[in-house]
Amino acid sequence: MEEVTRDALVSVTLFAAVFGMVYVFLMTRHRERMTILEKNINPSPFKSTNNTALLKYGIIWLGVSIGLIVGNLLYNWGVEETFSYASMVFMFSGIGMIVAYFVAQKQNLS
């Protein structure tokens, strides 16, 4: 019975923490926008139309997932588990960062 209570308490606390962070973020952003409107400040410098950060993170996470898949293949072929996963995750995330860099450079030139 004690273990179930502990698990429920951890779950409720985790949910409350995530909810609290999202609530504070949204309320702060709302207050900031309302202040901008009240003071008649041009909001265009605050708007982000550049989504290269999302593209960069997407390419990096794609590299990490490919690294995990290839690491699993290496482990199944007999390579040590720690080495196969770590080396492939680092290698493919590095490749993802390089690809993201070149994609961002191409977007800046266009």
N, C-alpha and C. Protein backbone atom coordinates (compact mmCIF):
# COMPACT_ATOMS: atom_id res chain seq x y z
N MET A 1 0.81 -1.19 0.00
CA MET A 1 0.00 0.00 0.00
C MET A 1 0.86 1.26 0.00
N GLU A 2 1.97 1.18 0.69
CA GLU A 2 2.87 2.32 0.79
C GLU A 2 3.49 2.67 -0.56
N GLU A 3 3.81 1.64 -1.36
CA GLU A 3 4.41 1.85 -2.66
C GLU A 3 3.44 2.52 -3.63
N VAL A 4 2.17 2.14 -3.57
CA VAL A 4 1.15 2.74 -4.44
C VAL A 4 0.98 4.22 -4.10
N THR A 5 0.98 4.55 -2.82
CA THR A 5 0.84 5.93 -2.39
C THR A 5 2.03 6.76 -2.87
N ARG A 6 3.21 6.21 -2.76
CA ARG A 6 4.40 6.92 -3.21
C ARG A 6 4.35 7.17 -4.72
N ASP A 7 3.96 6.14 -5.49
CA ASP A 7 3.87 6.29 -6.93
C ASP A 7 2.82 7.33 -7.32
N ALA A 8 1.70 7.33 -6.64
CA ALA A 8 0.65 8.31 -6.94
C ALA A 8 1.12 9.72 -6.59
N LEU A 9 1.82 9.87 -5.50
CA LEU A 9 2.32 11.17 -5.09
C LEU A 9 3.36 11.69 -6.09
N VAL A 10 4.23 10.83 -6.57
CA VAL A 10 5.22 11.23 -7.57
C VAL A 10 4.53 11.64 -8.87
N SER A 11 3.54 10.87 -9.29
CA SER A 11 2.82 11.20 -10.52
C SER A 11 2.10 12.53 -10.42
N VAL A 12 1.41 12.77 -9.31
CA VAL A 12 0.69 14.03 -9.12
C VAL A 12 1.67 15.19 -9.05
N THR A 13 2.78 15.01 -8.37
CA THR A 13 3.78 16.07 -8.26
C THR A 13 4.39 16.40 -9.63
N LEU A 14 4.70 15.38 -10.41
CA LEU A 14 5.26 15.59 -11.74
C LEU A 14 4.26 16.33 -12.63
N PHE A 15 3.00 15.91 -12.61
CA PHE A 15 1.97 16.58 -13.40
C PHE A 15 1.82 18.03 -12.96
N ALA A 16 1.81 18.28 -11.66
CA ALA A 16 1.67 19.65 -11.15
C ALA A 16 2.86 20.52 -11.57
N ALA A 17 4.05 19.96 -11.55
CA ALA A 17 5.24 20.72 -11.93
C ALA A 17 5.19 21.10 -13.41
N VAL A 18 4.85 20.15 -14.26
CA VAL A 18 4.77 20.44 -15.70
C VAL A 18 3.66 21.45 -15.97
N PHE A 19 2.50 21.26 -15.35
CA PHE A 19 1.39 22.19 -15.52
C PHE A 19 1.79 23.59 -15.05
N GLY A 20 2.48 23.67 -13.92
CA GLY A 20 2.91 24.97 -13.40
C GLY A 20 3.88 25.67 -14.33
N MET A 21 4.82 24.94 -14.90
CA MET A 21 5.78 25.57 -15.82
C MET A 21 5.09 26.08 -17.08
N VAL A 22 4.19 25.28 -17.63
CA VAL A 22 3.47 25.71 -18.83
C VAL A 22 2.59 26.92 -18.51
N TYR A 23 1.92 26.90 -17.37
CA TYR A 23 1.05 28.01 -16.97
C TYR A 23 1.85 29.30 -16.80
N VAL A 24 2.98 29.22 -16.11
CA VAL A 24 3.80 30.42 -15.90
C VAL A 24 4.33 30.94 -17.24
N PHE A 25 4.75 30.05 -18.14
CA PHE A 25 5.24 30.48 -19.45
C PHE A 25 4.15 31.19 -20.23
N LEU A 26 2.96 30.60 -20.28
CA LEU A 26 1.88 31.20 -21.05
C LEU A 26 1.42 32.52 -20.45
N MET A 27 1.33 32.60 -19.14
CA MET A 27 0.89 33.85 -18.50
C MET A 27 1.92 34.96 -18.69
N THR A 28 3.20 34.61 -18.61
CA THR A 28 4.25 35.61 -18.81
C THR A 28 4.22 36.12 -20.25
N ARG A 29 4.05 35.23 -21.19
CA ARG A 29 3.97 35.63 -22.59
C ARG A 29 2.75 36.50 -22.85
N HIS A 30 1.62 36.17 -22.21
CA HIS A 30 0.40 36.96 -22.36
C HIS A 30 0.60 38.37 -21.79
N ARG A 31 1.18 38.45 -20.60
CA ARG A 31 1.42 39.77 -19.99
C ARG A 31 2.36 40.60 -20.85
N GLU A 32 3.38 39.97 -21.38
CA GLU A 32 4.33 40.68 -22.24
C GLU A 32 3.63 41.23 -23.48
N ARG A 33 2.79 40.43 -24.09
CA ARG A 33 2.06 40.89 -25.28
C ARG A 33 1.07 41.99 -24.95
N MET A 34 0.42 41.88 -23.81
CA MET A 34 -0.53 42.94 -23.41
C MET A 34 0.21 44.25 -23.14
N THR A 35 1.39 44.17 -22.54
CA THR A 35 2.18 45.38 -22.30
C THR A 35 2.62 46.01 -23.62
N ILE A 36 2.99 45.19 -24.58
CA ILE A 36 3.37 45.70 -25.89
C ILE A 36 2.20 46.42 -26.54
N LEU A 37 1.01 45.83 -26.43
CA LEU A 37 -0.17 46.47 -27.02
C LEU A 37 -0.53 47.77 -26.30
N GLU A 38 -0.42 47.77 -24.97
CA GLU A 38 -0.78 48.97 -24.20
C GLU A 38 0.15 50.14 -24.49
N LYS A 39 1.44 49.84 -24.72
CA LYS A 39 2.41 50.91 -24.94
C LYS A 39 2.57 51.26 -26.42
N ASN A 40 1.77 50.63 -27.28
CA ASN A 40 1.81 50.87 -28.72
C ASN A 40 3.21 50.67 -29.31
N ILE A 41 3.87 49.64 -28.86
CA ILE A 41 5.19 49.29 -29.39
C ILE A 41 4.98 48.41 -30.61
N ASN A 42 5.82 48.59 -31.62
CA ASN A 42 5.75 47.77 -32.82
C ASN A 42 6.14 46.34 -32.46
N PRO A 43 5.24 45.36 -32.57
CA PRO A 43 5.56 43.99 -32.15
C PRO A 43 6.37 43.20 -33.17
N SER A 44 6.65 43.77 -34.34
CA SER A 44 7.35 42.99 -35.36
C SER A 44 8.75 42.53 -34.95
N PRO A 45 9.55 43.31 -34.19
CA PRO A 45 10.85 42.77 -33.79
C PRO A 45 10.75 41.57 -32.85
N PHE A 46 9.61 41.41 -32.18
CA PHE A 46 9.46 40.32 -31.23
C PHE A 46 8.95 39.05 -31.88
N LYS A 47 8.44 39.15 -33.10
CA LYS A 47 7.93 37.99 -33.79
C LYS A 47 9.07 37.26 -34.48
N SER A 48 9.06 35.97 -34.36
CA SER A 48 10.09 35.15 -34.99
C SER A 48 9.49 34.44 -36.19
N THR A 49 9.95 34.81 -37.36
CA THR A 49 9.49 34.14 -38.57
C THR A 49 10.49 33.10 -39.04
N ASN A 50 11.62 33.01 -38.36
CA ASN A 50 12.67 32.10 -38.75
C ASN A 50 12.54 30.80 -37.95
N ASN A 51 12.27 29.71 -38.62
CA ASN A 51 12.10 28.43 -37.95
C ASN A 51 13.32 27.53 -38.10
N THR A 52 14.49 28.12 -38.28
CA THR A 52 15.68 27.29 -38.46
C THR A 52 16.05 26.53 -37.19
N ALA A 53 15.70 27.08 -36.02
CA ALA A 53 16.01 26.36 -34.78
C ALA A 53 15.26 25.04 -34.73
N LEU A 54 14.00 25.04 -35.12
CA LEU A 54 13.23 23.80 -35.14
C LEU A 54 13.81 22.82 -36.14
N LEU A 55 14.22 23.33 -37.27
CA LEU A 55 14.83 22.46 -38.28
C LEU A 55 16.13 21.85 -37.75
N LYS A 56 16.94 22.68 -37.09
CA LYS A 56 18.21 22.18 -36.54
C LYS A 56 17.97 21.08 -35.52
N TYR A 57 17.05 21.34 -34.57
CA TYR A 57 16.78 20.32 -33.56
C TYR A 57 16.18 19.06 -34.18
N GLY A 58 15.34 19.24 -35.18
CA GLY A 58 14.76 18.07 -35.84
C GLY A 58 15.81 17.22 -36.51
N ILE A 59 16.76 17.86 -37.19
CA ILE A 59 17.82 17.11 -37.86
C ILE A 59 18.73 16.43 -36.84
N ILE A 60 19.02 17.12 -35.74
CA ILE A 60 19.88 16.53 -34.71
C ILE A 60 19.20 15.32 -34.07
N TRP A 61 17.91 15.44 -33.73
CA TRP A 61 17.20 14.32 -33.12
C TRP A 61 17.03 13.17 -34.10
N LEU A 62 16.90 13.49 -35.39
CA LEU A 62 16.87 12.45 -36.40
C LEU A 62 18.19 11.70 -36.41
N GLY A 63 19.30 12.44 -36.29
CA GLY A 63 20.61 11.80 -36.22
C GLY A 63 20.77 10.92 -35.00
N VAL A 64 20.24 11.37 -33.86
CA VAL A 64 20.32 10.57 -32.63
C VAL A 64 19.53 9.27 -32.81
N SER A 65 18.34 9.37 -33.40
CA SER A 65 17.53 8.16 -33.56
C SER A 65 18.17 7.19 -34.55
N ILE A 66 18.74 7.71 -35.62
CA ILE A 66 19.45 6.84 -36.55
C ILE A 66 20.65 6.20 -35.86
N GLY A 67 21.33 6.96 -35.01
CA GLY A 67 22.45 6.42 -34.26
C GLY A 67 22.04 5.29 -33.33
N LEU A 68 20.87 5.43 -32.70
CA LEU A 68 20.38 4.35 -31.84
C LEU A 68 20.06 3.10 -32.65
N ILE A 69 19.47 3.30 -33.81
CA ILE A 69 19.14 2.14 -34.66
C ILE A 69 20.41 1.44 -35.13
N VAL A 70 21.38 2.19 -35.61
CA VAL A 70 22.63 1.59 -36.08
C VAL A 70 23.40 0.98 -34.91
N GLY A 71 23.35 1.64 -33.74
CA GLY A 71 23.99 1.07 -32.55
C GLY A 71 23.38 -0.27 -32.18
N ASN A 72 22.07 -0.39 -32.31
CA ASN A 72 21.41 -1.66 -32.03
C ASN A 72 21.84 -2.72 -33.03
N LEU A 73 21.98 -2.32 -34.29
CA LEU A 73 22.46 -3.27 -35.30
C LEU A 73 23.87 -3.75 -34.97
N LEU A 74 24.75 -2.81 -34.59
CA LEU A 74 26.12 -3.20 -34.22
C LEU A 74 26.13 -4.13 -33.01
N TYR A 75 25.26 -3.84 -32.02
CA TYR A 75 25.19 -4.68 -30.82
C TYR A 75 24.73 -6.09 -31.20
N ASN A 76 23.77 -6.18 -32.12
CA ASN A 76 23.29 -7.50 -32.55
C ASN A 76 24.35 -8.25 -33.34
N TRP A 77 25.29 -7.54 -33.95
CA TRP A 77 26.38 -8.17 -34.70
C TRP A 77 27.57 -8.54 -33.81
N GLY A 78 27.47 -8.25 -32.51
CA GLY A 78 28.49 -8.71 -31.59
C GLY A 78 29.41 -7.64 -31.02
N VAL A 79 29.19 -6.38 -31.35
CA VAL A 79 30.01 -5.30 -30.78
C VAL A 79 29.51 -5.02 -29.37
N GLU A 80 30.41 -4.60 -28.49
CA GLU A 80 30.05 -4.30 -27.10
C GLU A 80 28.92 -3.27 -27.05
N GLU A 81 27.96 -3.48 -26.14
CA GLU A 81 26.74 -2.66 -26.09
C GLU A 81 27.04 -1.18 -25.86
N THR A 82 27.82 -0.85 -24.85
CA THR A 82 28.08 0.55 -24.52
C THR A 82 28.77 1.26 -25.67
N PHE A 83 29.76 0.61 -26.24
CA PHE A 83 30.51 1.22 -27.35
C PHE A 83 29.63 1.40 -28.57
N SER A 84 28.85 0.41 -28.92
CA SER A 84 28.05 0.49 -30.14
C SER A 84 27.01 1.61 -30.05
N TYR A 85 26.30 1.69 -28.94
CA TYR A 85 25.28 2.73 -28.82
C TYR A 85 25.90 4.13 -28.73
N ALA A 86 26.88 4.29 -27.86
CA ALA A 86 27.47 5.61 -27.65
C ALA A 86 28.14 6.14 -28.91
N SER A 87 28.92 5.30 -29.56
CA SER A 87 29.64 5.77 -30.74
C SER A 87 28.70 6.15 -31.87
N MET A 88 27.67 5.36 -32.08
CA MET A 88 26.75 5.65 -33.18
C MET A 88 25.88 6.88 -32.88
N VAL A 89 25.46 7.04 -31.63
CA VAL A 89 24.65 8.22 -31.29
C VAL A 89 25.48 9.49 -31.47
N PHE A 90 26.72 9.47 -30.99
CA PHE A 90 27.57 10.65 -31.16
C PHE A 90 27.89 10.91 -32.62
N MET A 91 28.17 9.86 -33.37
CA MET A 91 28.53 10.03 -34.77
C MET A 91 27.35 10.59 -35.57
N PHE A 92 26.18 10.01 -35.42
CA PHE A 92 25.04 10.47 -36.22
C PHE A 92 24.49 11.80 -35.74
N SER A 93 24.60 12.11 -34.44
CA SER A 93 24.17 13.44 -34.00
C SER A 93 25.15 14.49 -34.52
N GLY A 94 26.42 14.16 -34.59
CA GLY A 94 27.40 15.07 -35.19
C GLY A 94 27.12 15.29 -36.67
N ILE A 95 26.80 14.22 -37.37
CA ILE A 95 26.44 14.36 -38.78
C ILE A 95 25.18 15.22 -38.91
N GLY A 96 24.24 15.02 -38.00
CA GLY A 96 23.02 15.84 -38.01
C GLY A 96 23.32 17.31 -37.79
N MET A 97 24.25 17.61 -36.91
CA MET A 97 24.63 19.01 -36.68
C MET A 97 25.28 19.61 -37.91
N ILE A 98 26.12 18.85 -38.57
CA ILE A 98 26.78 19.34 -39.78
C ILE A 98 25.74 19.59 -40.88
N VAL A 99 24.82 18.66 -41.06
CA VAL A 99 23.75 18.84 -42.05
C VAL A 99 22.90 20.05 -41.71
N ALA A 100 22.56 20.22 -40.43
CA ALA A 100 21.76 21.37 -40.02
C ALA A 100 22.50 22.67 -40.29
N TYR A 101 23.80 22.68 -40.10
CA TYR A 101 24.60 23.88 -40.38
C TYR A 101 24.51 24.24 -41.86
N PHE A 102 24.71 23.24 -42.72
CA PHE A 102 24.68 23.53 -44.16
C PHE A 102 23.29 23.91 -44.64
N VAL A 103 22.25 23.31 -44.06
CA VAL A 103 20.88 23.69 -44.42
C VAL A 103 20.60 25.12 -43.99
N ALA A 104 21.06 25.51 -42.80
CA ALA A 104 20.86 26.88 -42.33
C ALA A 104 21.62 27.86 -43.20
N GLN A 105 22.83 27.50 -43.62
CA GLN A 105 23.61 28.37 -44.51
C GLN A 105 22.92 28.55 -45.85
N LYS A 106 22.34 27.46 -46.37
CA LYS A 106 21.63 27.55 -47.64
C LYS A 106 20.38 28.42 -47.51
N GLN A 107 19.68 28.34 -46.37
CA GLN A 107 18.49 29.17 -46.16
C GLN A 107 18.87 30.64 -46.05
N ASN A 108 20.00 30.95 -45.45
CA ASN A 108 20.43 32.34 -45.30
C ASN A 108 20.83 32.94 -46.65
N LEU A 109 21.34 32.12 -47.54
CA LEU A 109 21.74 32.60 -48.86
C LEU A 109 20.55 32.82 -49.78
N SER A 110 19.50 32.06 -49.57
CA SER A 110 18.32 32.15 -50.44
C SER A 110 17.50 33.38 -50.16
